[in-house]
Amino acid sequence: MAIYKMRYFFEWGGTCLWSANDAARKEFGYAVDEQKLPISRKLKNLLWYLQAYHDNMMDMDNAPDESPWWTEEDTIMFHKKK
């Protein structure tokens, strides 16, 4: 049985899961779509939520500055959930 290793970090407008070994890359590609993983719906939803939350941090009109509506409380909550 193959062992799939993943890396977890954020990319703007992308995913937060990345293949970290050949078996994972062969099965899922490099940027991993969490919807294709054999994990619970709850975990898939959490990964999607965290990526969407992260993407809201950037001010798309003034990248790479943080969004003016991103508060210190948002930063604390984001880091607690990830």
PDB file of N, CA and C in Angstrom:
ATOM      1  N   MET A   1       0.850  -1.181   0.000  1.00  0.00           N
ATOM      2  CA  MET A   1       0.000   0.000   0.000  1.00  0.00           C
ATOM      3  C   MET A   1       0.897   1.245   0.000  1.00  0.00           C
ATOM      4  N   ALA A   2       0.590   2.181  -0.871  1.00  0.00           N
ATOM      5  CA  ALA A   2       1.386   3.396  -0.997  1.00  0.00           C
ATOM      6  C   ALA A   2       1.192   4.299   0.215  1.00  0.00           C
ATOM      7  N   ILE A   3       2.250   4.996   0.596  1.00  0.00           N
ATOM      8  CA  ILE A   3       2.190   5.991   1.659  1.00  0.00           C
ATOM      9  C   ILE A   3       2.290   7.354   0.991  1.00  0.00           C
ATOM     10  N   TYR A   4       1.263   8.150   1.204  1.00  0.00           N
ATOM     11  CA  TYR A   4       1.219   9.484   0.615  1.00  0.00           C
ATOM     12  C   TYR A   4       1.629  10.511   1.661  1.00  0.00           C
ATOM     13  N   LYS A   5       2.653  11.275   1.348  1.00  0.00           N
ATOM     14  CA  LYS A   5       3.092  12.336   2.249  1.00  0.00           C
ATOM     15  C   LYS A   5       2.664  13.665   1.656  1.00  0.00           C
ATOM     16  N   MET A   6       2.147  14.529   2.524  1.00  0.00           N
ATOM     17  CA  MET A   6       1.672  15.845   2.108  1.00  0.00           C
ATOM     18  C   MET A   6       2.393  16.935   2.893  1.00  0.00           C
ATOM     19  N   ARG A   7       2.528  18.087   2.241  1.00  0.00           N
ATOM     20  CA  ARG A   7       3.009  19.290   2.904  1.00  0.00           C
ATOM     21  C   ARG A   7       1.823  20.232   3.022  1.00  0.00           C
ATOM     22  N   TYR A   8       1.831  21.031   4.063  1.00  0.00           N
ATOM     23  CA  TYR A   8       0.707  21.924   4.356  1.00  0.00           C
ATOM     24  C   TYR A   8       1.222  23.351   4.448  1.00  0.00           C
ATOM     25  N   PHE A   9       0.936  24.146   3.419  1.00  0.00           N
ATOM     26  CA  PHE A   9       1.236  25.576   3.452  1.00  0.00           C
ATOM     27  C   PHE A   9       0.329  26.268   2.435  1.00  0.00           C
ATOM     28  N   PHE A  10       0.187  27.568   2.581  1.00  0.00           N
ATOM     29  CA  PHE A  10      -0.779  28.304   1.780  1.00  0.00           C
ATOM     30  C   PHE A  10      -0.139  28.992   0.591  1.00  0.00           C
ATOM     31  N   GLU A  11      -0.895  29.044  -0.482  1.00  0.00           N
ATOM     32  CA  GLU A  11      -0.520  29.744  -1.711  1.00  0.00           C
ATOM     33  C   GLU A  11      -1.727  30.592  -2.104  1.00  0.00           C
ATOM     34  N   TRP A  12      -1.497  31.826  -2.499  1.00  0.00           N
ATOM     35  CA  TRP A  12      -2.607  32.702  -2.877  1.00  0.00           C
ATOM     36  C   TRP A  12      -3.399  32.104  -4.034  1.00  0.00           C
ATOM     37  N   GLY A  13      -4.696  31.964  -3.828  1.00  0.00           N
ATOM     38  CA  GLY A  13      -5.576  31.474  -4.881  1.00  0.00           C
ATOM     39  C   GLY A  13      -5.351  30.017  -5.246  1.00  0.00           C
ATOM     40  N   GLY A  14      -4.675  29.282  -4.399  1.00  0.00           N
ATOM     41  CA  GLY A  14      -4.360  27.885  -4.700  1.00  0.00           C
ATOM     42  C   GLY A  14      -4.910  26.942  -3.657  1.00  0.00           C
ATOM     43  N   THR A  15      -4.086  26.046  -3.280  1.00  0.00           N
ATOM     44  CA  THR A  15      -4.446  25.030  -2.313  1.00  0.00           C
ATOM     45  C   THR A  15      -3.551  25.176  -1.093  1.00  0.00           C
ATOM     46  N   CYS A  16      -3.810  24.384  -0.072  1.00  0.00           N
ATOM     47  CA  CYS A  16      -2.920  24.389   1.090  1.00  0.00           C
ATOM     48  C   CYS A  16      -2.275  23.017   1.271  1.00  0.00           C
ATOM     49  N   LEU A  17      -2.522  22.098   0.359  1.00  0.00           N
ATOM     50  CA  LEU A  17      -1.904  20.770   0.415  1.00  0.00           C
ATOM     51  C   LEU A  17      -1.053  20.531  -0.821  1.00  0.00           C
ATOM     52  N   TRP A  18       0.131  19.977  -0.583  1.00  0.00           N
ATOM     53  CA  TRP A  18       1.101  19.750  -1.655  1.00  0.00           C
ATOM     54  C   TRP A  18       1.715  18.377  -1.475  1.00  0.00           C
ATOM     55  N   SER A  19       1.886  17.656  -2.564  1.00  0.00           N
ATOM     56  CA  SER A  19       2.508  16.323  -2.497  1.00  0.00           C
ATOM     57  C   SER A  19       3.960  16.456  -2.061  1.00  0.00           C
ATOM     58  N   ALA A  20       4.367  15.559  -1.162  1.00  0.00           N
ATOM     59  CA  ALA A  20       5.724  15.610  -0.626  1.00  0.00           C
ATOM     60  C   ALA A  20       6.537  14.353  -0.940  1.00  0.00           C
ATOM     61  N   ASN A  21       5.953  13.430  -1.684  1.00  0.00           N
ATOM     62  CA  ASN A  21       6.736  12.267  -2.129  1.00  0.00           C
ATOM     63  C   ASN A  21       6.216  11.813  -3.498  1.00  0.00           C
ATOM     64  N   ASP A  22       6.960  10.913  -4.128  1.00  0.00           N
ATOM     65  CA  ASP A  22       6.608  10.462  -5.480  1.00  0.00           C
ATOM     66  C   ASP A  22       5.245   9.790  -5.543  1.00  0.00           C
ATOM     67  N   ALA A  23       4.915   8.997  -4.528  1.00  0.00           N
ATOM     68  CA  ALA A  23       3.616   8.299  -4.533  1.00  0.00           C
ATOM     69  C   ALA A  23       2.466   9.301  -4.525  1.00  0.00           C
ATOM     70  N   ALA A  24       2.574  10.338  -3.713  1.00  0.00           N
ATOM     71  CA  ALA A  24       1.524  11.351  -3.649  1.00  0.00           C
ATOM     72  C   ALA A  24       1.441  12.137  -4.957  1.00  0.00           C
ATOM     73  N   ARG A  25       2.601  12.499  -5.527  1.00  0.00           N
ATOM     74  CA  ARG A  25       2.602  13.243  -6.797  1.00  0.00           C
ATOM     75  C   ARG A  25       1.978  12.417  -7.917  1.00  0.00           C
ATOM     76  N   LYS A  26       2.285  11.125  -7.930  1.00  0.00           N
ATOM     77  CA  LYS A  26       1.740  10.243  -8.973  1.00  0.00           C
ATOM     78  C   LYS A  26       0.216  10.140  -8.853  1.00  0.00           C
ATOM     79  N   GLU A  27      -0.263  10.078  -7.635  1.00  0.00           N
ATOM     80  CA  GLU A  27      -1.701   9.903  -7.400  1.00  0.00           C
ATOM     81  C   GLU A  27      -2.497  11.215  -7.495  1.00  0.00           C
ATOM     82  N   PHE A  28      -1.930  12.318  -6.965  1.00  0.00           N
ATOM     83  CA  PHE A  28      -2.693  13.555  -6.812  1.00  0.00           C
ATOM     84  C   PHE A  28      -2.112  14.764  -7.547  1.00  0.00           C
ATOM     85  N   GLY A  29      -0.926  14.624  -8.170  1.00  0.00           N
ATOM     86  CA  GLY A  29      -0.254  15.785  -8.740  1.00  0.00           C
ATOM     87  C   GLY A  29       0.485  16.524  -7.633  1.00  0.00           C
ATOM     88  N   TYR A  30       1.066  17.683  -7.953  1.00  0.00           N
ATOM     89  CA  TYR A  30       1.822  18.422  -6.932  1.00  0.00           C
ATOM     90  C   TYR A  30       0.885  19.231  -6.034  1.00  0.00           C
ATOM     91  N   ALA A  31       0.062  20.096  -6.626  1.00  0.00           N
ATOM     92  CA  ALA A  31      -0.958  20.816  -5.860  1.00  0.00           C
ATOM     93  C   ALA A  31      -2.138  19.867  -5.690  1.00  0.00           C
ATOM     94  N   VAL A  32      -2.507  19.593  -4.459  1.00  0.00           N
ATOM     95  CA  VAL A  32      -3.493  18.550  -4.169  1.00  0.00           C
ATOM     96  C   VAL A  32      -4.881  19.163  -3.975  1.00  0.00           C
ATOM     97  N   ASP A  33      -5.847  18.652  -4.714  1.00  0.00           N
ATOM     98  CA  ASP A  33      -7.247  19.027  -4.542  1.00  0.00           C
ATOM     99  C   ASP A  33      -7.791  18.194  -3.388  1.00  0.00           C
ATOM    100  N   GLU A  34      -8.084  18.853  -2.273  1.00  0.00           N
ATOM    101  CA  GLU A  34      -8.532  18.119  -1.078  1.00  0.00           C
ATOM    102  C   GLU A  34      -9.810  17.325  -1.327  1.00  0.00           C
ATOM    103  N   GLN A  35     -10.596  17.729  -2.323  1.00  0.00           N
ATOM    104  CA  GLN A  35     -11.840  17.012  -2.617  1.00  0.00           C
ATOM    105  C   GLN A  35     -11.569  15.607  -3.160  1.00  0.00           C
ATOM    106  N   LYS A  36     -10.368  15.362  -3.672  1.00  0.00           N
ATOM    107  CA  LYS A  36     -10.033  14.048  -4.241  1.00  0.00           C
ATOM    108  C   LYS A  36      -9.376  13.114  -3.221  1.00  0.00           C
ATOM    109  N   LEU A  37      -9.180  13.594  -2.004  1.00  0.00           N
ATOM    110  CA  LEU A  37      -8.521  12.776  -0.984  1.00  0.00           C
ATOM    111  C   LEU A  37      -9.516  11.882  -0.254  1.00  0.00           C
ATOM    112  N   PRO A  38      -9.072  10.717   0.182  1.00  0.00           N
ATOM    113  CA  PRO A  38      -9.941   9.820   0.955  1.00  0.00           C
ATOM    114  C   PRO A  38      -9.954  10.236   2.432  1.00  0.00           C
ATOM    115  N   ILE A  39     -10.498  11.440   2.686  1.00  0.00           N
ATOM    116  CA  ILE A  39     -10.593  11.976   4.041  1.00  0.00           C
ATOM    117  C   ILE A  39     -12.046  12.366   4.291  1.00  0.00           C
ATOM    118  N   SER A  40     -12.359  12.646   5.538  1.00  0.00           N
ATOM    119  CA  SER A  40     -13.742  12.962   5.890  1.00  0.00           C
ATOM    120  C   SER A  40     -14.212  14.257   5.242  1.00  0.00           C
ATOM    121  N   ARG A  41     -15.499  14.365   5.045  1.00  0.00           N
ATOM    122  CA  ARG A  41     -16.113  15.582   4.506  1.00  0.00           C
ATOM    123  C   ARG A  41     -15.790  16.762   5.429  1.00  0.00           C
ATOM    124  N   LYS A  42     -15.795  16.529   6.741  1.00  0.00           N
ATOM    125  CA  LYS A  42     -15.499  17.588   7.705  1.00  0.00           C
ATOM    126  C   LYS A  42     -14.091  18.143   7.491  1.00  0.00           C
ATOM    127  N   LEU A  43     -13.109  17.280   7.285  1.00  0.00           N
ATOM    128  CA  LEU A  43     -11.734  17.725   7.057  1.00  0.00           C
ATOM    129  C   LEU A  43     -11.604  18.426   5.705  1.00  0.00           C
ATOM    130  N   LYS A  44     -12.260  17.901   4.686  1.00  0.00           N
ATOM    131  CA  LYS A  44     -12.246  18.571   3.372  1.00  0.00           C
ATOM    132  C   LYS A  44     -12.800  19.982   3.484  1.00  0.00           C
ATOM    133  N   ASN A  45     -13.906  20.119   4.194  1.00  0.00           N
ATOM    134  CA  ASN A  45     -14.523  21.435   4.363  1.00  0.00           C
ATOM    135  C   ASN A  45     -13.611  22.375   5.148  1.00  0.00           C
ATOM    136  N   LEU A  46     -12.931  21.863   6.165  1.00  0.00           N
ATOM    137  CA  LEU A  46     -12.018  22.690   6.949  1.00  0.00           C
ATOM    138  C   LEU A  46     -10.861  23.181   6.086  1.00  0.00           C
ATOM    139  N   LEU A  47     -10.278  22.316   5.283  1.00  0.00           N
ATOM    140  CA  LEU A  47      -9.180  22.721   4.400  1.00  0.00           C
ATOM    141  C   LEU A  47      -9.644  23.773   3.393  1.00  0.00           C
ATOM    142  N   TRP A  48     -10.815  23.573   2.811  1.00  0.00           N
ATOM    143  CA  TRP A  48     -11.367  24.555   1.880  1.00  0.00           C
ATOM    144  C   TRP A  48     -11.600  25.894   2.576  1.00  0.00           C
ATOM    145  N   TYR A  49     -12.173  25.850   3.779  1.00  0.00           N
ATOM    146  CA  TYR A  49     -12.456  27.054   4.551  1.00  0.00           C
ATOM    147  C   TYR A  49     -11.172  27.818   4.869  1.00  0.00           C
ATOM    148  N   LEU A  50     -10.146  27.119   5.332  1.00  0.00           N
ATOM    149  CA  LEU A  50      -8.886  27.778   5.674  1.00  0.00           C
ATOM    150  C   LEU A  50      -8.251  28.436   4.459  1.00  0.00           C
ATOM    151  N   GLN A  51      -8.306  27.767   3.309  1.00  0.00           N
ATOM    152  CA  GLN A  51      -7.737  28.364   2.098  1.00  0.00           C
ATOM    153  C   GLN A  51      -8.519  29.607   1.702  1.00  0.00           C
ATOM    154  N   ALA A  52      -9.844  29.538   1.747  1.00  0.00           N
ATOM    155  CA  ALA A  52     -10.670  30.699   1.407  1.00  0.00           C
ATOM    156  C   ALA A  52     -10.429  31.834   2.390  1.00  0.00           C
ATOM    157  N   TYR A  53     -10.304  31.512   3.662  1.00  0.00           N
ATOM    158  CA  TYR A  53     -10.039  32.507   4.695  1.00  0.00           C
ATOM    159  C   TYR A  53      -8.691  33.172   4.443  1.00  0.00           C
ATOM    160  N   HIS A  54      -7.691  32.375   4.139  1.00  0.00           N
ATOM    161  CA  HIS A  54      -6.348  32.883   3.834  1.00  0.00           C
ATOM    162  C   HIS A  54      -6.392  33.829   2.634  1.00  0.00           C
ATOM    163  N   ASP A  55      -7.102  33.438   1.584  1.00  0.00           N
ATOM    164  CA  ASP A  55      -7.143  34.243   0.357  1.00  0.00           C
ATOM    165  C   ASP A  55      -7.794  35.599   0.583  1.00  0.00           C
ATOM    166  N   ASN A  56      -8.657  35.703   1.588  1.00  0.00           N
ATOM    167  CA  ASN A  56      -9.288  36.983   1.901  1.00  0.00           C
ATOM    168  C   ASN A  56      -8.325  37.953   2.585  1.00  0.00           C
ATOM    169  N   MET A  57      -7.168  37.466   2.971  1.00  0.00           N
ATOM    170  CA  MET A  57      -6.192  38.294   3.679  1.00  0.00           C
ATOM    171  C   MET A  57      -5.528  39.306   2.744  1.00  0.00           C
ATOM    172  N   MET A  58      -5.450  39.014   1.456  1.00  0.00           N
ATOM    173  CA  MET A  58      -4.747  39.904   0.537  1.00  0.00           C
ATOM    174  C   MET A  58      -5.692  40.946  -0.053  1.00  0.00           C
ATOM    175  N   ASP A  59      -5.206  42.169  -0.132  1.00  0.00           N
ATOM    176  CA  ASP A  59      -5.934  43.238  -0.812  1.00  0.00           C
ATOM    177  C   ASP A  59      -5.611  43.106  -2.297  1.00  0.00           C
ATOM    178  N   MET A  60      -6.517  42.547  -3.073  1.00  0.00           N
ATOM    179  CA  MET A  60      -6.262  42.266  -4.483  1.00  0.00           C
ATOM    180  C   MET A  60      -6.033  43.536  -5.308  1.00  0.00           C
ATOM    181  N   ASP A  61      -6.483  44.675  -4.820  1.00  0.00           N
ATOM    182  CA  ASP A  61      -6.239  45.928  -5.513  1.00  0.00           C
ATOM    183  C   ASP A  61      -4.885  46.539  -5.168  1.00  0.00           C
ATOM    184  N   ASN A  62      -4.243  46.006  -4.122  1.00  0.00           N
ATOM    185  CA  ASN A  62      -2.971  46.551  -3.677  1.00  0.00           C
ATOM    186  C   ASN A  62      -2.052  45.424  -3.183  1.00  0.00           C
ATOM    187  N   ALA A  63      -2.009  44.331  -3.937  1.00  0.00           N
ATOM    188  CA  ALA A  63      -1.193  43.180  -3.540  1.00  0.00           C
ATOM    189  C   ALA A  63       0.274  43.576  -3.513  1.00  0.00           C
ATOM    190  N   PRO A  64       1.072  43.055  -2.639  1.00  0.00           N
ATOM    191  CA  PRO A  64       0.794  42.006  -1.663  1.00  0.00           C
ATOM    192  C   PRO A  64       0.412  42.522  -0.277  1.00  0.00           C
ATOM    193  N   ASP A  65      -0.068  43.742  -0.178  1.00  0.00           N
ATOM    194  CA  ASP A  65      -0.475  44.261   1.127  1.00  0.00           C
ATOM    195  C   ASP A  65      -1.634  43.455   1.688  1.00  0.00           C
ATOM    196  N   GLU A  66      -1.676  43.392   3.028  1.00  0.00           N
ATOM    197  CA  GLU A  66      -2.811  42.732   3.665  1.00  0.00           C
ATOM    198  C   GLU A  66      -4.069  43.544   3.429  1.00  0.00           C
ATOM    199  N   SER A  67      -5.175  42.859   3.427  1.00  0.00           N
ATOM    200  CA  SER A  67      -6.459  43.500   3.239  1.00  0.00           C
ATOM    201  C   SER A  67      -6.726  44.483   4.375  1.00  0.00           C
ATOM    202  N   PRO A  68      -7.289  45.639   4.069  1.00  0.00           N
ATOM    203  CA  PRO A  68      -7.591  46.609   5.127  1.00  0.00           C
ATOM    204  C   PRO A  68      -8.683  46.129   6.071  1.00  0.00           C
ATOM    205  N   TRP A  69      -9.479  45.160   5.655  1.00  0.00           N
ATOM    206  CA  TRP A  69     -10.526  44.644   6.540  1.00  0.00           C
ATOM    207  C   TRP A  69     -10.072  43.396   7.304  1.00  0.00           C
ATOM    208  N   TRP A  70      -8.818  42.982   7.152  1.00  0.00           N
ATOM    209  CA  TRP A  70      -8.250  41.856   7.894  1.00  0.00           C
ATOM    210  C   TRP A  70      -7.742  42.395   9.220  1.00  0.00           C
ATOM    211  N   THR A  71      -8.344  41.962  10.321  1.00  0.00           N
ATOM    212  CA  THR A  71      -8.016  42.505  11.638  1.00  0.00           C
ATOM    213  C   THR A  71      -7.041  41.600  12.383  1.00  0.00           C
ATOM    214  N   GLU A  72      -6.534  42.116  13.487  1.00  0.00           N
ATOM    215  CA  GLU A  72      -5.670  41.314  14.359  1.00  0.00           C
ATOM    216  C   GLU A  72      -6.442  40.096  14.882  1.00  0.00           C
ATOM    217  N   GLU A  73      -7.727  40.273  15.165  1.00  0.00           N
ATOM    218  CA  GLU A  73      -8.564  39.158  15.613  1.00  0.00           C
ATOM    219  C   GLU A  73      -8.668  38.079  14.532  1.00  0.00           C
ATOM    220  N   ASP A  74      -8.755  38.507  13.269  1.00  0.00           N
ATOM    221  CA  ASP A  74      -8.780  37.550  12.156  1.00  0.00           C
ATOM    222  C   ASP A  74      -7.492  36.738  12.124  1.00  0.00           C
ATOM    223  N   THR A  75      -6.368  37.407  12.310  1.00  0.00           N
ATOM    224  CA  THR A  75      -5.074  36.722  12.309  1.00  0.00           C
ATOM    225  C   THR A  75      -5.016  35.694  13.430  1.00  0.00           C
ATOM    226  N   ILE A  76      -5.438  36.061  14.612  1.00  0.00           N
ATOM    227  CA  ILE A  76      -5.431  35.138  15.758  1.00  0.00           C
ATOM    228  C   ILE A  76      -6.331  33.948  15.477  1.00  0.00           C
ATOM    229  N   MET A  77      -7.549  34.198  14.976  1.00  0.00           N
ATOM    230  CA  MET A  77      -8.487  33.105  14.696  1.00  0.00           C
ATOM    231  C   MET A  77      -7.943  32.187  13.602  1.00  0.00           C
ATOM    232  N   PHE A  78      -7.365  32.772  12.557  1.00  0.00           N
ATOM    233  CA  PHE A  78      -6.807  31.960  11.471  1.00  0.00           C
ATOM    234  C   PHE A  78      -5.729  31.034  11.994  1.00  0.00           C
ATOM    235  N   HIS A  79      -4.801  31.546  12.802  1.00  0.00           N
ATOM    236  CA  HIS A  79      -3.702  30.726  13.315  1.00  0.00           C
ATOM    237  C   HIS A  79      -4.184  29.675  14.305  1.00  0.00           C
ATOM    238  N   LYS A  80      -5.257  29.938  15.018  1.00  0.00           N
ATOM    239  CA  LYS A  80      -5.828  28.923  15.929  1.00  0.00           C
ATOM    240  C   LYS A  80      -6.406  27.755  15.142  1.00  0.00           C
ATOM    241  N   LYS A  81      -7.069  28.060  14.016  1.00  0.00           N
ATOM    242  CA  LYS A  81      -7.733  27.014  13.235  1.00  0.00           C
ATOM    243  C   LYS A  81      -6.764  26.193  12.391  1.00  0.00           C
ATOM    244  N   LYS A  82      -5.666  26.803  11.968  1.00  0.00           N
ATOM    245  CA  LYS A  82      -4.765  26.050  11.103  1.00  0.00           C
ATOM    246  C   LYS A  82      -3.907  25.173  11.940  1.00  0.00           C
TER     247      LYS A  82
END
